[in-house]
Amino acid sequence: MSALTGDARADLARRVDGLLRTVPDFPEPGVQFRDIMPLLADPAAFAEVVAALAADAPGRVDLVAGMEARGFLLAAPVATALGAGVVPVRKAGKLPGPVASATYALEYGTATVEVQPFTVPVGARVLVIDDVLATGGTAAATVELLERCGAEVIGLSFLVELEALRGRDLLPGREIDALLTL
């Protein structure tokens, strides 16, 4: 679903890659954390990423759903660029009620995401945004949650996709775009 193609897309991917910081063994041993903060601190690069994510939106967007927490930092400016609203998808216990929730499996245990259902009108066309697509669990739970609220999830956009972790496998048939694939 990319509006940015060819050399321009490749140039942006290289720029994003150059601004990411890989932090080994964070938050636990064996994890290679992708830190987007240097990218966010670069105003020109951040503006270029926001413009690209907005340009890649698949048609009309009513709401942009940002997944906690770095997804919030991308979702709000993309929503502004699209003339859409923002819906935060939070970890359990962070939103005042009423909330709708979806629980998903982690390697060791479970996690839950929540949204205030009254912020998601039935039939709303929603673009889901996050910084990294890794194993896909949070993204799949977010899609399930938004659709149970009556939304139409029209696509998912990520700054980075960690291809080896196969997150797309949990999102079959979904429009998925990543500016950089590692």
Protein backbone atom coordinates (compact mmCIF):
# COMPACT_ATOMS: atom_id res chain seq x y z
CA MET A 1 0.00 0.00 0.00
CA SER A 2 2.93 2.33 -0.56
CA ALA A 3 2.55 5.70 -2.28
CA LEU A 4 6.29 6.30 -1.88
CA THR A 5 8.11 4.13 -4.40
CA GLY A 6 11.44 3.48 -6.06
CA ASP A 7 14.48 5.54 -5.17
CA ALA A 8 12.58 7.85 -2.81
CA ARG A 9 11.37 4.90 -0.71
CA ALA A 10 14.83 3.31 -0.69
CA ASP A 11 16.40 6.63 0.34
CA LEU A 12 13.93 7.03 3.20
CA ALA A 13 14.53 3.43 4.35
CA ARG A 14 18.29 4.07 4.42
CA ARG A 15 17.75 7.29 6.36
CA VAL A 16 15.52 5.55 8.90
CA ASP A 17 18.01 2.69 9.24
CA GLY A 18 20.83 5.17 9.85
CA LEU A 19 18.89 6.87 12.63
CA LEU A 20 17.78 3.73 14.48
CA ARG A 21 19.82 2.62 17.44
CA THR A 22 20.04 -1.08 18.24
CA VAL A 23 20.33 -1.76 21.95
CA PRO A 24 21.44 -5.33 22.70
CA ASP A 25 19.88 -7.28 25.56
CA PHE A 26 17.14 -4.73 26.27
CA PRO A 27 14.72 -5.08 27.96
CA GLU A 28 15.98 -8.61 28.57
CA PRO A 29 18.88 -10.80 27.42
CA GLY A 30 18.69 -11.85 23.78
CA VAL A 31 16.43 -8.99 22.64
CA GLN A 32 17.79 -6.50 20.11
CA PHE A 33 15.72 -3.39 20.92
CA ARG A 34 15.21 -0.93 18.05
CA ASP A 35 15.31 2.57 19.54
CA ILE A 36 13.51 5.16 17.37
CA MET A 37 14.30 8.13 19.63
CA PRO A 38 17.23 9.40 17.47
CA LEU A 39 14.84 9.47 14.49
CA LEU A 40 12.22 11.39 16.46
CA ALA A 41 14.88 13.90 17.53
CA ASP A 42 15.75 14.67 13.90
CA PRO A 43 13.02 17.11 12.80
CA ALA A 44 13.59 16.70 9.05
CA ALA A 45 13.67 12.91 9.17
CA PHE A 46 10.66 12.75 11.49
CA ALA A 47 8.68 15.02 9.16
CA GLU A 48 9.65 12.86 6.18
CA VAL A 49 8.54 9.68 7.97
CA VAL A 50 5.19 11.24 8.97
CA ALA A 51 4.60 12.42 5.39
CA ALA A 52 5.44 8.96 4.02
CA LEU A 53 3.19 7.14 6.50
CA ALA A 54 0.33 9.52 5.67
CA ALA A 55 0.91 9.16 1.91
CA ASP A 56 0.84 5.37 2.24
CA ALA A 57 -2.64 5.36 3.84
CA PRO A 58 -5.01 3.16 1.85
CA GLY A 59 -7.78 5.61 1.01
CA ARG A 60 -9.93 7.59 3.42
CA VAL A 61 -8.93 7.30 7.07
CA ASP A 62 -11.29 8.31 9.87
CA LEU A 63 -9.07 7.31 12.79
CA VAL A 64 -5.43 6.43 13.32
CA ALA A 65 -4.90 3.93 16.13
CA GLY A 66 -1.50 4.15 17.80
CA MET A 67 -0.28 1.17 19.79
CA GLU A 68 1.34 1.88 23.13
CA ALA A 69 3.67 3.54 23.49
CA ARG A 70 5.88 4.51 20.57
CA GLY A 71 2.95 4.09 18.19
CA PHE A 72 1.38 7.14 19.85
CA LEU A 73 4.34 9.25 18.73
CA LEU A 74 3.74 8.30 15.10
CA ALA A 75 -0.06 8.08 15.09
CA ALA A 76 -0.81 11.63 16.25
CA PRO A 77 1.13 13.52 13.54
CA VAL A 78 -0.01 11.06 10.84
CA ALA A 79 -3.62 11.58 11.92
CA THR A 80 -3.13 15.35 11.76
CA ALA A 81 -1.68 15.03 8.25
CA LEU A 82 -4.69 12.93 7.19
CA GLY A 83 -7.33 15.07 8.90
CA ALA A 84 -8.26 12.07 11.05
CA GLY A 85 -8.73 11.46 14.75
CA VAL A 86 -6.41 9.47 17.01
CA VAL A 87 -7.27 6.49 19.17
CA PRO A 88 -4.68 5.25 21.65
CA VAL A 89 -4.52 1.49 22.13
CA ARG A 90 -3.22 1.15 25.67
CA LYS A 91 -1.90 -1.54 27.94
CA ALA A 92 -4.47 -2.77 30.46
CA GLY A 93 -5.35 -0.43 33.29
CA LYS A 94 -4.19 2.81 31.65
CA LEU A 95 -7.56 4.15 30.42
CA PRO A 96 -10.58 5.19 32.46
CA GLY A 97 -13.62 3.06 31.70
CA PRO A 98 -15.55 1.88 30.03
CA VAL A 99 -12.97 -0.04 28.02
CA ALA A 100 -12.97 -2.94 25.59
CA SER A 101 -10.01 -5.29 25.79
CA ALA A 102 -8.23 -8.05 23.92
CA THR A 103 -5.77 -10.46 25.50
CA TYR A 104 -3.04 -12.16 23.52
CA ALA A 105 -0.28 -14.70 24.15
CA LEU A 106 3.32 -13.79 24.79
CA GLU A 107 6.23 -16.20 24.91
CA TYR A 108 5.80 -16.44 28.69
CA GLY A 109 2.30 -15.38 29.68
CA THR A 110 -0.26 -12.99 28.27
CA ALA A 111 -0.81 -9.27 27.75
CA THR A 112 -3.93 -7.19 27.29
CA VAL A 113 -4.62 -4.06 25.23
CA GLU A 114 -7.58 -1.74 25.73
CA VAL A 115 -9.44 1.02 23.96
CA GLN A 116 -12.35 3.22 24.96
CA PRO A 117 -15.06 1.86 22.64
CA PHE A 118 -16.99 5.14 22.55
CA THR A 119 -14.00 6.69 20.70
CA VAL A 120 -14.35 4.20 17.83
CA PRO A 121 -17.56 4.85 15.85
CA VAL A 122 -19.11 1.85 14.13
CA GLY A 123 -17.92 1.78 10.54
CA ALA A 124 -14.89 4.02 11.17
CA ARG A 125 -12.04 3.38 8.75
CA VAL A 126 -8.99 2.86 10.96
CA LEU A 127 -5.29 2.82 10.12
CA VAL A 128 -3.19 1.10 12.81
CA ILE A 129 0.32 2.45 13.37
CA ASP A 130 3.27 1.34 15.47
CA ASP A 131 7.02 1.71 15.40
CA VAL A 132 7.97 -1.97 14.99
CA LEU A 133 6.22 -5.08 13.70
CA ALA A 134 7.93 -7.93 15.51
CA THR A 135 5.99 -11.10 16.42
CA GLY A 136 2.64 -9.52 15.54
CA GLY A 137 0.80 -10.32 18.76
CA THR A 138 0.05 -6.75 19.77
CA ALA A 139 -0.95 -5.81 16.23
CA ALA A 140 -3.29 -8.80 15.87
CA ALA A 141 -4.92 -8.07 19.25
CA THR A 142 -5.32 -4.41 18.25
CA VAL A 143 -7.04 -5.35 14.99
CA GLU A 144 -9.35 -7.77 16.82
CA LEU A 145 -10.19 -5.14 19.43
CA LEU A 146 -10.96 -2.39 16.93
CA GLU A 147 -13.10 -4.68 14.80
CA ARG A 148 -15.07 -5.82 17.85
CA CYS A 149 -15.79 -2.13 18.46
CA GLY A 150 -17.25 -1.97 14.94
CA ALA A 151 -14.35 -0.37 13.07
CA GLU A 152 -13.03 -1.35 9.67
CA VAL A 153 -9.26 -1.78 9.92
CA ILE A 154 -8.08 -0.70 6.47
CA GLY A 155 -4.35 -1.19 7.01
CA LEU A 156 -1.40 -1.37 9.33
CA SER A 157 1.71 0.80 8.98
CA PHE A 158 5.02 0.33 10.72
CA LEU A 159 8.24 2.24 10.74
CA VAL A 160 10.23 -1.04 10.89
CA GLU A 161 9.37 -4.68 10.28
CA LEU A 162 11.60 -7.35 11.80
CA GLU A 163 11.00 -9.90 9.06
CA ALA A 164 12.61 -12.88 10.80
CA LEU A 165 10.04 -12.69 13.61
CA ARG A 166 7.22 -13.30 11.12
CA GLY A 167 4.69 -10.85 12.55
CA ARG A 168 2.76 -10.86 9.27
CA ASP A 169 1.81 -14.47 9.94
CA LEU A 170 -0.64 -13.31 12.63
CA LEU A 171 -2.18 -10.76 10.24
CA PRO A 172 -3.24 -12.80 7.19
CA GLY A 173 -5.00 -10.91 4.43
CA ARG A 174 -4.21 -7.51 5.98
CA GLU A 175 -2.77 -4.49 4.18
CA ILE A 176 0.62 -4.05 5.87
CA ASP A 177 3.28 -1.49 5.08
CA ALA A 178 6.69 -0.95 6.66
CA LEU A 179 9.08 1.82 5.70
CA LEU A 180 12.09 -0.38 6.57
CA THR A 181 12.35 -4.15 6.65
CA LEU A 182 15.19 -5.71 8.65
